Amino acid sequence: AATGEGQVTATGAGQAAATSAGQVAEIAGVEVMASILEIYLPDYAYRKSEALTTRRGNISSATVGLYPAADGYIGIHAMPKNWPQLVEAMERPDLAADERFADNRARLRNDDALSAEFFLWTTSTTKAEAALRARKHRAPIAPVNGMRDLLASEQLVAREFFREIAHPEAGTYAYPGPPSRMPASPPLAGRAPLLGEHTAEVLVAVLGLTARDVALLCAARVV
């Protein structure tokens, strides 16, 4: 995968065909999501610009939506079986006994009232606190991360997903790595070439030209 003036690539694509020996491919879901953000992560890396500034919820279920937190947004996506864990994480077990929210249909009918409870809780907590509660109670709650959050993610940092790559013209920036890892073929990190940087090498090694031929082409401004 290549991004801007830096690139982190996975090697060994043809290893199985060449050696008949396969290997384990390690794929982390969080890295897959981080690697398909298209322009957003590079845009933040270069310009510190948050492209995603608005949030919209889901009107098909009362327990699916994005809600403002003290420092951003929190996502809630609770299936009926997750409702008990959700209210425990919110420290609101009384909601489980509330007839207005007795089942999924009831929760949808009383969406305004339930949303008010969600807003009351989410606005009083931070994204990190919500994530801790979600892990503790195995509740379907997650922070909505911006690009700055991803670059500082403990999990992504611990897995060394981002690599700092220096480029002589663009500078040094953090670039996402490949979402899959193979022990026998670790990813290689390196910068993108400059314009014409390898022209002479290609002309000699690939096309078989001599150094004199290259010099003549350069002098004639052909290359």
N, C-alpha and C. Protein backbone atom coordinates (compact mmCIF):
# COMPACT_ATOMS: atom_id res chain seq x y z
N ALA A 1 0.85 -1.18 0.00
CA ALA A 1 0.00 0.00 0.00
C ALA A 1 0.88 1.22 0.00
N ALA A 2 0.60 2.20 -0.86
CA ALA A 2 1.41 3.41 -0.93
C ALA A 2 0.56 4.63 -0.64
N THR A 3 1.11 5.61 0.06
CA THR A 3 0.37 6.80 0.42
C THR A 3 1.27 8.01 0.26
N GLY A 4 0.93 8.92 -0.65
CA GLY A 4 1.67 10.16 -0.78
C GLY A 4 3.13 9.93 -1.09
N GLU A 5 4.01 10.61 -0.34
CA GLU A 5 5.44 10.51 -0.57
C GLU A 5 6.09 9.38 0.21
N GLY A 6 5.28 8.56 0.90
CA GLY A 6 5.83 7.44 1.66
C GLY A 6 5.06 6.19 1.31
N GLN A 7 5.65 5.04 1.58
CA GLN A 7 4.94 3.81 1.29
C GLN A 7 5.41 2.72 2.24
N VAL A 8 4.47 1.88 2.62
CA VAL A 8 4.76 0.69 3.42
C VAL A 8 4.16 -0.47 2.67
N THR A 9 4.96 -1.39 2.22
CA THR A 9 4.46 -2.48 1.38
C THR A 9 4.71 -3.83 2.02
N ALA A 10 3.82 -4.75 1.75
CA ALA A 10 3.99 -6.12 2.20
C ALA A 10 4.72 -6.90 1.12
N THR A 11 5.70 -7.69 1.50
CA THR A 11 6.48 -8.45 0.52
C THR A 11 6.04 -9.90 0.53
N GLY A 12 6.56 -10.65 -0.40
CA GLY A 12 6.31 -12.09 -0.42
C GLY A 12 4.99 -12.47 -1.04
N ALA A 13 4.47 -11.63 -1.95
CA ALA A 13 3.17 -11.93 -2.56
C ALA A 13 3.21 -13.24 -3.33
N GLY A 14 4.36 -13.55 -3.93
CA GLY A 14 4.43 -14.77 -4.71
C GLY A 14 5.17 -15.89 -4.01
N GLN A 15 5.30 -15.80 -2.68
CA GLN A 15 6.08 -16.81 -1.96
C GLN A 15 5.48 -18.19 -2.09
N ALA A 16 4.16 -18.28 -1.93
CA ALA A 16 3.53 -19.60 -2.00
C ALA A 16 3.73 -20.24 -3.37
N ALA A 17 3.63 -19.41 -4.43
CA ALA A 17 3.81 -19.94 -5.78
C ALA A 17 5.25 -20.33 -6.04
N ALA A 18 6.18 -19.57 -5.44
CA ALA A 18 7.60 -19.81 -5.71
C ALA A 18 8.17 -20.95 -4.88
N THR A 19 7.70 -21.11 -3.65
CA THR A 19 8.30 -22.09 -2.74
C THR A 19 7.36 -23.20 -2.33
N SER A 20 6.07 -23.07 -2.67
CA SER A 20 5.03 -24.03 -2.26
C SER A 20 4.84 -24.05 -0.75
N ALA A 21 5.38 -23.05 -0.06
CA ALA A 21 5.23 -22.96 1.41
C ALA A 21 4.39 -21.74 1.75
N GLY A 22 3.26 -21.98 2.38
CA GLY A 22 2.42 -20.86 2.79
C GLY A 22 2.85 -20.33 4.14
N GLN A 23 2.17 -19.32 4.62
CA GLN A 23 2.47 -18.76 5.92
C GLN A 23 1.22 -18.13 6.50
N VAL A 24 1.25 -17.93 7.80
CA VAL A 24 0.10 -17.34 8.49
C VAL A 24 -0.01 -15.87 8.12
N ALA A 25 -1.20 -15.42 7.78
CA ALA A 25 -1.46 -14.00 7.50
C ALA A 25 -2.20 -13.41 8.70
N GLU A 26 -1.56 -12.50 9.39
CA GLU A 26 -2.15 -11.88 10.57
C GLU A 26 -2.88 -10.62 10.14
N ILE A 27 -4.18 -10.57 10.39
CA ILE A 27 -4.99 -9.44 9.96
C ILE A 27 -5.74 -8.89 11.17
N ALA A 28 -5.49 -7.62 11.50
CA ALA A 28 -6.16 -6.96 12.62
C ALA A 28 -7.27 -6.07 12.09
N GLY A 29 -8.47 -6.24 12.63
CA GLY A 29 -9.61 -5.46 12.15
C GLY A 29 -9.39 -3.97 12.22
N VAL A 30 -8.79 -3.50 13.33
CA VAL A 30 -8.59 -2.06 13.50
C VAL A 30 -7.62 -1.51 12.46
N GLU A 31 -6.64 -2.35 12.04
CA GLU A 31 -5.70 -1.90 11.03
C GLU A 31 -6.34 -1.90 9.64
N VAL A 32 -7.24 -2.85 9.40
CA VAL A 32 -7.97 -2.85 8.13
C VAL A 32 -8.78 -1.57 8.00
N MET A 33 -9.49 -1.19 9.07
CA MET A 33 -10.30 0.02 9.03
C MET A 33 -9.42 1.25 8.85
N ALA A 34 -8.28 1.28 9.55
CA ALA A 34 -7.40 2.45 9.45
C ALA A 34 -6.78 2.57 8.07
N SER A 35 -6.62 1.45 7.38
CA SER A 35 -5.95 1.46 6.08
C SER A 35 -6.88 1.81 4.92
N ILE A 36 -8.20 1.87 5.15
CA ILE A 36 -9.14 2.16 4.07
C ILE A 36 -9.79 3.53 4.25
N LEU A 37 -9.11 4.42 4.93
CA LEU A 37 -9.66 5.75 5.16
C LEU A 37 -9.43 6.69 3.98
N GLU A 38 -8.87 6.16 2.92
CA GLU A 38 -8.66 6.91 1.69
C GLU A 38 -7.89 8.20 1.97
N ILE A 39 -8.49 9.35 1.70
CA ILE A 39 -7.74 10.61 1.79
C ILE A 39 -7.64 11.16 3.20
N TYR A 40 -8.44 10.65 4.13
CA TYR A 40 -8.58 11.34 5.41
C TYR A 40 -7.31 11.33 6.26
N LEU A 41 -6.67 10.18 6.37
CA LEU A 41 -5.47 10.10 7.19
C LEU A 41 -4.32 10.88 6.56
N PRO A 42 -4.03 10.70 5.26
CA PRO A 42 -2.97 11.52 4.67
C PRO A 42 -3.26 13.02 4.75
N ASP A 43 -4.55 13.40 4.60
CA ASP A 43 -4.91 14.81 4.67
C ASP A 43 -4.60 15.37 6.04
N TYR A 44 -4.87 14.58 7.08
CA TYR A 44 -4.56 15.05 8.43
C TYR A 44 -3.05 15.08 8.65
N ALA A 45 -2.34 14.08 8.13
CA ALA A 45 -0.89 14.03 8.30
C ALA A 45 -0.22 15.25 7.69
N TYR A 46 -0.73 15.69 6.54
CA TYR A 46 -0.11 16.82 5.85
C TYR A 46 -0.63 18.17 6.33
N ARG A 47 -1.95 18.27 6.52
CA ARG A 47 -2.53 19.58 6.77
C ARG A 47 -3.18 19.72 8.14
N LYS A 48 -3.16 18.62 8.95
CA LYS A 48 -3.84 18.63 10.24
C LYS A 48 -5.30 19.06 10.09
N SER A 49 -5.94 18.54 9.03
CA SER A 49 -7.32 18.88 8.72
C SER A 49 -8.23 17.71 9.03
N GLU A 50 -9.26 17.94 9.82
CA GLU A 50 -10.25 16.91 10.12
C GLU A 50 -11.35 16.99 9.07
N ALA A 51 -11.34 16.05 8.11
CA ALA A 51 -12.32 16.09 7.03
C ALA A 51 -13.72 15.70 7.51
N LEU A 52 -13.79 14.83 8.54
CA LEU A 52 -15.08 14.36 9.03
C LEU A 52 -15.52 15.24 10.19
N THR A 53 -16.42 16.17 9.93
CA THR A 53 -16.81 17.13 10.96
C THR A 53 -18.27 17.03 11.36
N THR A 54 -19.06 16.22 10.65
CA THR A 54 -20.47 16.08 10.99
C THR A 54 -20.80 14.61 11.21
N ARG A 55 -21.83 14.35 12.04
CA ARG A 55 -22.21 12.98 12.38
C ARG A 55 -23.72 12.81 12.16
N ARG A 56 -24.08 11.66 11.64
CA ARG A 56 -25.50 11.36 11.47
C ARG A 56 -25.78 10.00 12.08
N GLY A 57 -26.93 9.88 12.69
CA GLY A 57 -27.28 8.64 13.35
C GLY A 57 -28.07 7.71 12.45
N ASN A 58 -28.66 6.68 13.06
CA ASN A 58 -29.42 5.67 12.32
C ASN A 58 -30.86 5.72 12.82
N ILE A 59 -31.81 5.90 11.89
CA ILE A 59 -33.21 6.03 12.30
C ILE A 59 -33.95 4.71 12.28
N SER A 60 -33.27 3.62 11.97
CA SER A 60 -33.94 2.32 11.90
C SER A 60 -33.98 1.62 13.24
N SER A 61 -33.19 2.08 14.18
CA SER A 61 -33.16 1.46 15.50
C SER A 61 -32.87 2.52 16.55
N ALA A 62 -33.55 2.41 17.71
CA ALA A 62 -33.36 3.39 18.77
C ALA A 62 -32.00 3.24 19.43
N THR A 63 -31.37 2.09 19.26
CA THR A 63 -30.09 1.87 19.95
C THR A 63 -28.92 1.85 18.97
N VAL A 64 -29.09 2.50 17.84
CA VAL A 64 -28.00 2.64 16.88
C VAL A 64 -27.86 4.13 16.57
N GLY A 65 -26.71 4.69 16.87
CA GLY A 65 -26.54 6.10 16.59
C GLY A 65 -25.22 6.64 17.10
N LEU A 66 -24.96 7.89 16.79
CA LEU A 66 -23.77 8.59 17.25
C LEU A 66 -24.20 9.74 18.14
N TYR A 67 -23.55 9.84 19.29
CA TYR A 67 -23.97 10.81 20.29
C TYR A 67 -22.77 11.63 20.75
N PRO A 68 -22.99 12.93 21.05
CA PRO A 68 -21.88 13.79 21.46
C PRO A 68 -21.34 13.40 22.83
N ALA A 69 -20.02 13.33 22.93
CA ALA A 69 -19.36 13.08 24.20
C ALA A 69 -18.73 14.39 24.67
N ALA A 70 -18.08 14.35 25.82
CA ALA A 70 -17.44 15.55 26.34
C ALA A 70 -16.30 16.01 25.44
N ASP A 71 -15.75 15.07 24.65
CA ASP A 71 -14.60 15.42 23.81
C ASP A 71 -14.72 14.89 22.38
N GLY A 72 -15.93 14.73 21.90
CA GLY A 72 -16.09 14.21 20.55
C GLY A 72 -17.42 13.51 20.39
N TYR A 73 -17.38 12.27 19.89
CA TYR A 73 -18.60 11.51 19.68
C TYR A 73 -18.41 10.07 20.12
N ILE A 74 -19.52 9.44 20.50
CA ILE A 74 -19.54 8.04 20.91
C ILE A 74 -20.57 7.31 20.05
N GLY A 75 -20.20 6.15 19.56
CA GLY A 75 -21.11 5.36 18.77
C GLY A 75 -21.74 4.25 19.61
N ILE A 76 -23.04 4.05 19.45
CA ILE A 76 -23.76 2.98 20.15
C ILE A 76 -24.46 2.13 19.10
N HIS A 77 -24.27 0.84 19.16
CA HIS A 77 -24.91 -0.07 18.21
C HIS A 77 -25.30 -1.34 18.97
N ALA A 78 -26.44 -1.27 19.64
CA ALA A 78 -26.87 -2.37 20.50
C ALA A 78 -27.96 -3.21 19.85
N MET A 79 -27.68 -4.49 19.69
CA MET A 79 -28.72 -5.43 19.30
C MET A 79 -29.55 -5.73 20.55
N PRO A 80 -30.75 -6.31 20.39
CA PRO A 80 -31.58 -6.61 21.56
C PRO A 80 -30.84 -7.40 22.63
N LYS A 81 -29.97 -8.35 22.24
CA LYS A 81 -29.26 -9.16 23.23
C LYS A 81 -28.19 -8.36 23.97
N ASN A 82 -27.80 -7.19 23.41
CA ASN A 82 -26.77 -6.37 24.05
C ASN A 82 -27.34 -5.30 24.96
N TRP A 83 -28.65 -5.18 25.02
CA TRP A 83 -29.28 -4.13 25.82
C TRP A 83 -28.86 -4.18 27.28
N PRO A 84 -28.84 -5.33 27.94
CA PRO A 84 -28.42 -5.36 29.36
C PRO A 84 -26.99 -4.85 29.56
N GLN A 85 -26.07 -5.23 28.68
CA GLN A 85 -24.68 -4.76 28.82
C GLN A 85 -24.59 -3.25 28.61
N LEU A 86 -25.41 -2.74 27.69
CA LEU A 86 -25.38 -1.31 27.41
C LEU A 86 -25.78 -0.49 28.63
N VAL A 87 -26.89 -0.86 29.26
CA VAL A 87 -27.35 -0.08 30.41
C VAL A 87 -26.42 -0.25 31.61
N GLU A 88 -25.76 -1.40 31.73
CA GLU A 88 -24.78 -1.59 32.79
C GLU A 88 -23.58 -0.67 32.57
N ALA A 89 -23.13 -0.57 31.34
CA ALA A 89 -22.00 0.31 31.04
C ALA A 89 -22.36 1.76 31.31
N MET A 90 -23.61 2.11 31.10
CA MET A 90 -24.08 3.48 31.37
C MET A 90 -24.33 3.72 32.85
N GLU A 91 -24.22 2.65 33.65
CA GLU A 91 -24.57 2.71 35.08
C GLU A 91 -26.03 3.15 35.26
N ARG A 92 -26.88 2.62 34.37
CA ARG A 92 -28.31 2.90 34.43
C ARG A 92 -29.10 1.60 34.35
N PRO A 93 -28.92 0.68 35.32
CA PRO A 93 -29.68 -0.57 35.28
C PRO A 93 -31.19 -0.35 35.38
N ASP A 94 -31.60 0.84 35.86
CA ASP A 94 -33.03 1.12 35.95
C ASP A 94 -33.69 1.17 34.58
N LEU A 95 -32.91 1.48 33.54
CA LEU A 95 -33.48 1.53 32.19
C LEU A 95 -33.92 0.15 31.73
N ALA A 96 -33.26 -0.89 32.22
CA ALA A 96 -33.63 -2.25 31.83
C ALA A 96 -35.01 -2.62 32.37
N ALA A 97 -35.41 -1.99 33.47
CA ALA A 97 -36.71 -2.29 34.07
C ALA A 97 -37.79 -1.30 33.62
N ASP A 98 -37.41 -0.34 32.81
CA ASP A 98 -38.36 0.68 32.35
C ASP A 98 -39.22 0.10 31.23
N GLU A 99 -40.55 0.10 31.39
CA GLU A 99 -41.45 -0.49 30.41
C GLU A 99 -41.35 0.18 29.04
N ARG A 100 -40.96 1.45 29.03
CA ARG A 100 -40.83 2.15 27.75
C ARG A 100 -39.74 1.54 26.88
N PHE A 101 -38.82 0.85 27.53
CA PHE A 101 -37.68 0.28 26.82
C PHE A 101 -37.61 -1.23 27.00
N ALA A 102 -38.79 -1.84 27.16
CA ALA A 102 -38.85 -3.26 27.49
C ALA A 102 -38.29 -4.16 26.39
N ASP A 103 -38.48 -3.79 25.13
CA ASP A 103 -37.94 -4.57 24.02
C ASP A 103 -37.58 -3.61 22.89
N ASN A 104 -37.10 -4.17 21.80
CA ASN A 104 -36.62 -3.31 20.72
C ASN A 104 -37.72 -2.44 20.12
N ARG A 105 -38.93 -3.01 19.97
CA ARG A 105 -40.04 -2.22 19.43
C ARG A 105 -40.39 -1.08 20.37
N ALA A 106 -40.43 -1.37 21.65
CA ALA A 106 -40.76 -0.34 22.63
C ALA A 106 -39.70 0.75 22.63
N ARG A 107 -38.44 0.36 22.52
CA ARG A 107 -37.37 1.35 22.51
C ARG A 107 -37.47 2.25 21.28
N LEU A 108 -37.86 1.67 20.14
CA LEU A 108 -38.00 2.47 18.93
C LEU A 108 -39.20 3.42 19.04
N ARG A 109 -40.30 2.94 19.63
CA ARG A 109 -41.48 3.80 19.82
C ARG A 109 -41.15 4.97 20.73
N ASN A 110 -40.28 4.75 21.69
CA ASN A 110 -39.91 5.79 22.66
C ASN A 110 -38.49 6.30 22.40
N ASP A 111 -38.19 6.44 21.12
CA ASP A 111 -36.84 6.82 20.73
C ASP A 111 -36.41 8.17 21.32
N ASP A 112 -37.32 9.14 21.35
CA ASP A 112 -36.97 10.46 21.87
C ASP A 112 -36.56 10.38 23.34
N ALA A 113 -37.33 9.62 24.11
CA ALA A 113 -37.03 9.49 25.53
C ALA A 113 -35.71 8.75 25.75
N LEU A 114 -35.49 7.70 24.94
CA LEU A 114 -34.26 6.94 25.08
C LEU A 114 -33.06 7.76 24.62
N SER A 115 -33.22 8.51 23.55
CA SER A 115 -32.13 9.36 23.07
C SER A 115 -31.76 10.39 24.12
N ALA A 116 -32.75 10.89 24.83
CA ALA A 116 -32.47 11.86 25.90
C ALA A 116 -31.59 11.22 26.99
N GLU A 117 -31.86 9.94 27.30
CA GLU A 117 -31.04 9.24 28.29
C GLU A 117 -29.61 9.04 27.77
N PHE A 118 -29.52 8.70 26.48
CA PHE A 118 -28.19 8.53 25.89
C PHE A 118 -27.41 9.84 25.90
N PHE A 119 -28.08 10.92 25.50
CA PHE A 119 -27.41 12.23 25.49
C PHE A 119 -26.96 12.62 26.89
N LEU A 120 -27.80 12.35 27.86
CA LEU A 120 -27.45 12.69 29.25
C LEU A 120 -26.18 11.98 29.68
N TRP A 121 -26.04 10.71 29.27
CA TRP A 121 -24.84 9.95 29.65
C TRP A 121 -23.63 10.31 28.81
N THR A 122 -23.80 10.34 27.49
CA THR A 122 -22.63 10.54 26.63
C THR A 122 -21.99 11.91 26.84
N THR A 123 -22.79 12.94 27.03
CA THR A 123 -22.22 14.27 27.19
C THR A 123 -21.49 14.44 28.52
N SER A 124 -21.70 13.50 29.43
CA SER A 124 -21.03 13.60 30.73
C SER A 124 -19.79 12.72 30.81
N THR A 125 -19.43 12.08 29.71
CA THR A 125 -18.26 11.20 29.73
C THR A 125 -17.37 11.49 28.53
N THR A 126 -16.14 11.03 28.60
CA THR A 126 -15.22 11.20 27.47
C THR A 126 -15.22 9.93 26.62
N LYS A 127 -14.62 10.03 25.46
CA LYS A 127 -14.54 8.86 24.59
C LYS A 127 -13.73 7.74 25.24
N ALA A 128 -12.64 8.12 25.91
CA ALA A 128 -11.80 7.11 26.56
C ALA A 128 -12.54 6.43 27.69
N GLU A 129 -13.29 7.19 28.48
CA GLU A 129 -14.05 6.60 29.58
C GLU A 129 -15.12 5.66 29.05
N ALA A 130 -15.77 6.05 27.97
CA ALA A 130 -16.79 5.19 27.36
C ALA A 130 -16.18 3.90 26.86
N ALA A 131 -14.98 3.99 26.27
CA ALA A 131 -14.31 2.79 25.77
C ALA A 131 -13.94 1.85 26.91
N LEU A 132 -13.50 2.40 28.03
CA LEU A 132 -13.17 1.58 29.19
C LEU A 132 -14.41 0.85 29.70
N ARG A 133 -15.52 1.56 29.78
CA ARG A 133 -16.75 0.93 30.25
C ARG A 133 -17.23 -0.14 29.27
N ALA A 134 -17.05 0.14 27.99
CA ALA A 134 -17.46 -0.83 26.98
C ALA A 134 -16.68 -2.13 27.13
N ARG A 135 -15.36 -2.02 27.36
CA ARG A 135 -14.55 -3.22 27.54
C ARG A 135 -14.92 -3.95 28.83
N LYS A 136 -15.16 -3.20 29.88
CA LYS A 136 -15.49 -3.81 31.17
C LYS A 136 -16.78 -4.61 31.11
N HIS A 137 -17.79 -4.07 30.44
CA HIS A 137 -19.11 -4.71 30.41
C HIS A 137 -19.40 -5.41 29.08
N ARG A 138 -18.42 -5.41 28.17
CA ARG A 138 -18.61 -5.99 26.84
C ARG A 138 -19.84 -5.38 26.18
N ALA A 139 -19.91 -4.05 26.26
CA ALA A 139 -21.05 -3.32 25.73
C ALA A 139 -20.74 -2.79 24.33
N PRO A 140 -21.75 -2.67 23.48
CA PRO A 140 -21.55 -2.22 22.09
C PRO A 140 -21.41 -0.70 21.99
N ILE A 141 -20.36 -0.19 22.57
CA ILE A 141 -20.09 1.25 22.59
C ILE A 141 -18.67 1.45 22.08
N ALA A 142 -18.48 2.48 21.28
CA ALA A 142 -17.13 2.73 20.77
C ALA A 142 -16.93 4.23 20.56
N PRO A 143 -15.71 4.70 20.77
CA PRO A 143 -15.43 6.11 20.49
C PRO A 143 -15.37 6.33 18.98
N VAL A 144 -15.77 7.50 18.54
CA VAL A 144 -15.63 7.87 17.13
C VAL A 144 -14.29 8.59 17.01
N ASN A 145 -13.34 7.92 16.40
CA ASN A 145 -11.99 8.45 16.34
C ASN A 145 -11.78 9.40 15.16
N GLY A 146 -11.06 10.48 15.43
CA GLY A 146 -10.58 11.34 14.38
C GLY A 146 -9.19 10.88 13.98
N MET A 147 -8.59 11.55 13.03
CA MET A 147 -7.26 11.14 12.58
C MET A 147 -6.23 11.29 13.70
N ARG A 148 -6.35 12.33 14.50
CA ARG A 148 -5.41 12.50 15.62
C ARG A 148 -5.54 11.34 16.59
N ASP A 149 -6.79 10.90 16.84
CA ASP A 149 -7.01 9.77 17.75
C ASP A 149 -6.35 8.51 17.22
N LEU A 150 -6.48 8.26 15.92
CA LEU A 150 -5.89 7.06 15.34
C LEU A 150 -4.37 7.07 15.44
N LEU A 151 -3.76 8.21 15.16
CA LEU A 151 -2.30 8.29 15.23
C LEU A 151 -1.80 8.06 16.65
N ALA A 152 -2.65 8.37 17.64
CA ALA A 152 -2.26 8.20 19.04
C ALA A 152 -2.83 6.92 19.64
N SER A 153 -3.52 6.10 18.83
CA SER A 153 -4.15 4.89 19.34
C SER A 153 -3.14 3.96 20.00
N GLU A 154 -3.39 3.58 21.24
CA GLU A 154 -2.47 2.69 21.97
C GLU A 154 -2.30 1.38 21.23
N GLN A 155 -3.40 0.86 20.67
CA GLN A 155 -3.33 -0.42 19.99
C GLN A 155 -2.51 -0.33 18.71
N LEU A 156 -2.77 0.71 17.91
CA LEU A 156 -2.03 0.86 16.67
C LEU A 156 -0.56 1.19 16.91
N VAL A 157 -0.30 1.99 17.93
CA VAL A 157 1.09 2.32 18.27
C VAL A 157 1.82 1.07 18.76
N ALA A 158 1.15 0.27 19.61
CA ALA A 158 1.77 -0.95 20.14
C ALA A 158 2.07 -1.95 19.02
N ARG A 159 1.23 -1.97 18.00
CA ARG A 159 1.45 -2.88 16.88
C ARG A 159 2.38 -2.30 15.82
N GLU A 160 2.85 -1.06 16.08
CA GLU A 160 3.75 -0.39 15.14
C GLU A 160 3.15 -0.32 13.74
N PHE A 161 1.86 0.01 13.71
CA PHE A 161 1.15 0.09 12.44
C PHE A 161 1.61 1.29 11.63
N PHE A 162 1.83 2.42 12.31
CA PHE A 162 2.29 3.61 11.61
C PHE A 162 3.81 3.64 11.56
N ARG A 163 4.33 4.02 10.43
CA ARG A 163 5.78 4.14 10.26
C ARG A 163 6.12 5.56 9.85
N GLU A 164 7.11 6.14 10.50
CA GLU A 164 7.58 7.46 10.09
C GLU A 164 8.56 7.29 8.94
N ILE A 165 8.28 7.96 7.83
CA ILE A 165 9.10 7.84 6.64
C ILE A 165 9.55 9.24 6.22
N ALA A 166 10.85 9.39 6.04
CA ALA A 166 11.40 10.69 5.63
C ALA A 166 11.50 10.77 4.12
N HIS A 167 11.12 11.90 3.58
CA HIS A 167 11.23 12.15 2.15
C HIS A 167 12.01 13.44 1.96
N PRO A 168 12.98 13.47 1.04
CA PRO A 168 13.83 14.65 0.89
C PRO A 168 13.09 15.93 0.51
N GLU A 169 11.90 15.80 -0.09
CA GLU A 169 11.15 16.98 -0.48
C GLU A 169 9.90 17.20 0.37
N ALA A 170 9.20 16.14 0.68
CA ALA A 170 7.94 16.27 1.43
C ALA A 170 8.17 16.40 2.93
N GLY A 171 9.25 15.83 3.44
CA GLY A 171 9.49 15.84 4.88
C GLY A 171 9.20 14.49 5.51
N THR A 172 9.10 14.45 6.82
CA THR A 172 8.87 13.20 7.55
C THR A 172 7.44 13.16 8.06
N TYR A 173 6.74 12.08 7.72
CA TYR A 173 5.35 11.92 8.13
C TYR A 173 5.09 10.46 8.52
N ALA A 174 3.98 10.26 9.23
CA ALA A 174 3.58 8.91 9.62
C ALA A 174 2.68 8.33 8.54
N TYR A 175 2.94 7.09 8.15
CA TYR A 175 2.16 6.43 7.10
C TYR A 175 1.62 5.11 7.63
N PRO A 176 0.39 4.74 7.23
CA PRO A 176 -0.18 3.46 7.68
C PRO A 176 0.48 2.29 6.98
N GLY A 177 0.61 1.20 7.71
CA GLY A 177 1.19 -0.02 7.14
C GLY A 177 0.12 -0.90 6.55
N PRO A 178 0.50 -2.07 6.05
CA PRO A 178 -0.49 -3.00 5.48
C PRO A 178 -1.33 -3.64 6.58
N PRO A 179 -2.60 -3.92 6.32
CA PRO A 179 -3.47 -4.51 7.34
C PRO A 179 -3.20 -5.99 7.60
N SER A 180 -2.42 -6.64 6.74
CA SER A 180 -2.10 -8.05 6.96
C SER A 180 -0.60 -8.19 7.19
N ARG A 181 -0.23 -9.18 8.02
CA ARG A 181 1.18 -9.40 8.33
C ARG A 181 1.51 -10.87 8.18
N MET A 182 2.66 -11.14 7.58
CA MET A 182 3.12 -12.50 7.40
C MET A 182 4.53 -12.60 7.97
N PRO A 183 4.72 -13.44 8.99
CA PRO A 183 6.01 -13.50 9.69
C PRO A 183 7.21 -13.70 8.79
N ALA A 184 7.06 -14.51 7.75
CA ALA A 184 8.21 -14.78 6.88
C ALA A 184 8.45 -13.67 5.88
N SER A 185 7.50 -12.76 5.77
CA SER A 185 7.64 -11.66 4.81
C SER A 185 7.22 -10.36 5.49
N PRO A 186 8.04 -9.83 6.39
CA PRO A 186 7.67 -8.60 7.08
C PRO A 186 7.57 -7.43 6.12
N PRO A 187 6.69 -6.47 6.40
CA PRO A 187 6.51 -5.34 5.50
C PRO A 187 7.77 -4.47 5.44
N LEU A 188 8.01 -3.90 4.27
CA LEU A 188 9.14 -3.01 4.07
C LEU A 188 8.63 -1.58 3.98
N ALA A 189 9.28 -0.68 4.68
CA ALA A 189 8.87 0.72 4.67
C ALA A 189 9.92 1.55 3.95
N GLY A 190 9.50 2.38 3.04
CA GLY A 190 10.43 3.24 2.33
C GLY A 190 9.72 4.36 1.63
N ARG A 191 10.47 5.39 1.28
CA ARG A 191 9.87 6.55 0.64
C ARG A 191 9.61 6.30 -0.84
N ALA A 192 8.74 7.13 -1.42
CA ALA A 192 8.50 7.10 -2.86
C ALA A 192 9.68 7.77 -3.56
N PRO A 193 10.03 7.32 -4.75
CA PRO A 193 11.19 7.90 -5.45
C PRO A 193 10.92 9.31 -5.95
N LEU A 194 11.99 10.06 -6.13
CA LEU A 194 11.89 11.38 -6.73
C LEU A 194 11.69 11.23 -8.24
N LEU A 195 11.23 12.27 -8.88
CA LEU A 195 11.02 12.23 -10.32
C LEU A 195 12.36 11.98 -11.03
N GLY A 196 12.40 10.89 -11.77
CA GLY A 196 13.60 10.55 -12.52
C GLY A 196 14.74 9.99 -11.70
N GLU A 197 14.50 9.69 -10.45
CA GLU A 197 15.58 9.23 -9.56
C GLU A 197 16.24 7.94 -10.06
N HIS A 198 15.45 7.03 -10.63
CA HIS A 198 15.97 5.74 -11.05
C HIS A 198 16.02 5.57 -12.57
N THR A 199 15.93 6.68 -13.27
CA THR A 199 15.91 6.59 -14.74
C THR A 199 17.15 5.89 -15.28
N ALA A 200 18.33 6.33 -14.83
CA ALA A 200 19.57 5.74 -15.34
C ALA A 200 19.65 4.27 -14.98
N GLU A 201 19.25 3.93 -13.78
CA GLU A 201 19.29 2.53 -13.33
C GLU A 201 18.40 1.65 -14.21
N VAL A 202 17.22 2.15 -14.53
CA VAL A 202 16.29 1.38 -15.37
C VAL A 202 16.84 1.25 -16.79
N LEU A 203 17.38 2.33 -17.33
CA LEU A 203 17.90 2.29 -18.70
C LEU A 203 19.05 1.30 -18.84
N VAL A 204 19.88 1.24 -17.80
CA VAL A 204 21.04 0.34 -17.87
C VAL A 204 20.65 -1.09 -17.53
N ALA A 205 19.97 -1.27 -16.37
CA ALA A 205 19.68 -2.62 -15.88
C ALA A 205 18.58 -3.31 -16.66
N VAL A 206 17.59 -2.56 -17.12
CA VAL A 206 16.44 -3.16 -17.79
C VAL A 206 16.58 -3.13 -19.31
N LEU A 207 16.97 -1.98 -19.84
CA LEU A 207 17.04 -1.84 -21.29
C LEU A 207 18.42 -2.15 -21.86
N GLY A 208 19.43 -2.29 -20.99
CA GLY A 208 20.75 -2.69 -21.45
C GLY A 208 21.58 -1.58 -22.06
N LEU A 209 21.21 -0.32 -21.83
CA LEU A 209 22.01 0.78 -22.34
C LEU A 209 23.32 0.90 -21.55
N THR A 210 24.31 1.52 -22.16
CA THR A 210 25.58 1.77 -21.47
C THR A 210 25.51 3.12 -20.77
N ALA A 211 26.48 3.36 -19.90
CA ALA A 211 26.54 4.65 -19.22
C ALA A 211 26.71 5.78 -20.23
N ARG A 212 27.47 5.52 -21.30
CA ARG A 212 27.66 6.53 -22.35
C ARG A 212 26.34 6.84 -23.05
N ASP A 213 25.55 5.77 -23.32
CA ASP A 213 24.24 5.97 -23.95
C ASP A 213 23.36 6.88 -23.10
N VAL A 214 23.36 6.61 -21.79
CA VAL A 214 22.54 7.41 -20.87
C VAL A 214 23.01 8.85 -20.86
N ALA A 215 24.33 9.04 -20.86
CA ALA A 215 24.89 10.39 -20.85
C ALA A 215 24.47 11.16 -22.10
N LEU A 216 24.48 10.48 -23.24
CA LEU A 216 24.07 11.12 -24.49
C LEU A 216 22.59 11.48 -24.47
N LEU A 217 21.77 10.60 -23.94
CA LEU A 217 20.33 10.87 -23.84
C LEU A 217 20.06 12.05 -22.92
N CYS A 218 20.80 12.10 -21.83
CA CYS A 218 20.64 13.21 -20.90
C CYS A 218 21.07 14.52 -21.54
N ALA A 219 22.20 14.46 -22.26
CA ALA A 219 22.70 15.67 -22.92
C ALA A 219 21.72 16.18 -23.97
N ALA A 220 21.03 15.25 -24.62
CA ALA A 220 20.05 15.64 -25.64
C ALA A 220 18.69 15.95 -25.03
N ARG A 221 18.60 15.86 -23.70
CA ARG A 221 17.37 16.14 -22.94
C ARG A 221 16.23 15.20 -23.34
N VAL A 222 16.63 14.00 -23.77
CA VAL A 222 15.63 12.97 -24.05
C VAL A 222 15.07 12.41 -22.75
N VAL A 223 15.94 12.27 -21.79
CA VAL A 223 15.52 11.80 -20.45
C VAL A 223 16.00 12.80 -19.43
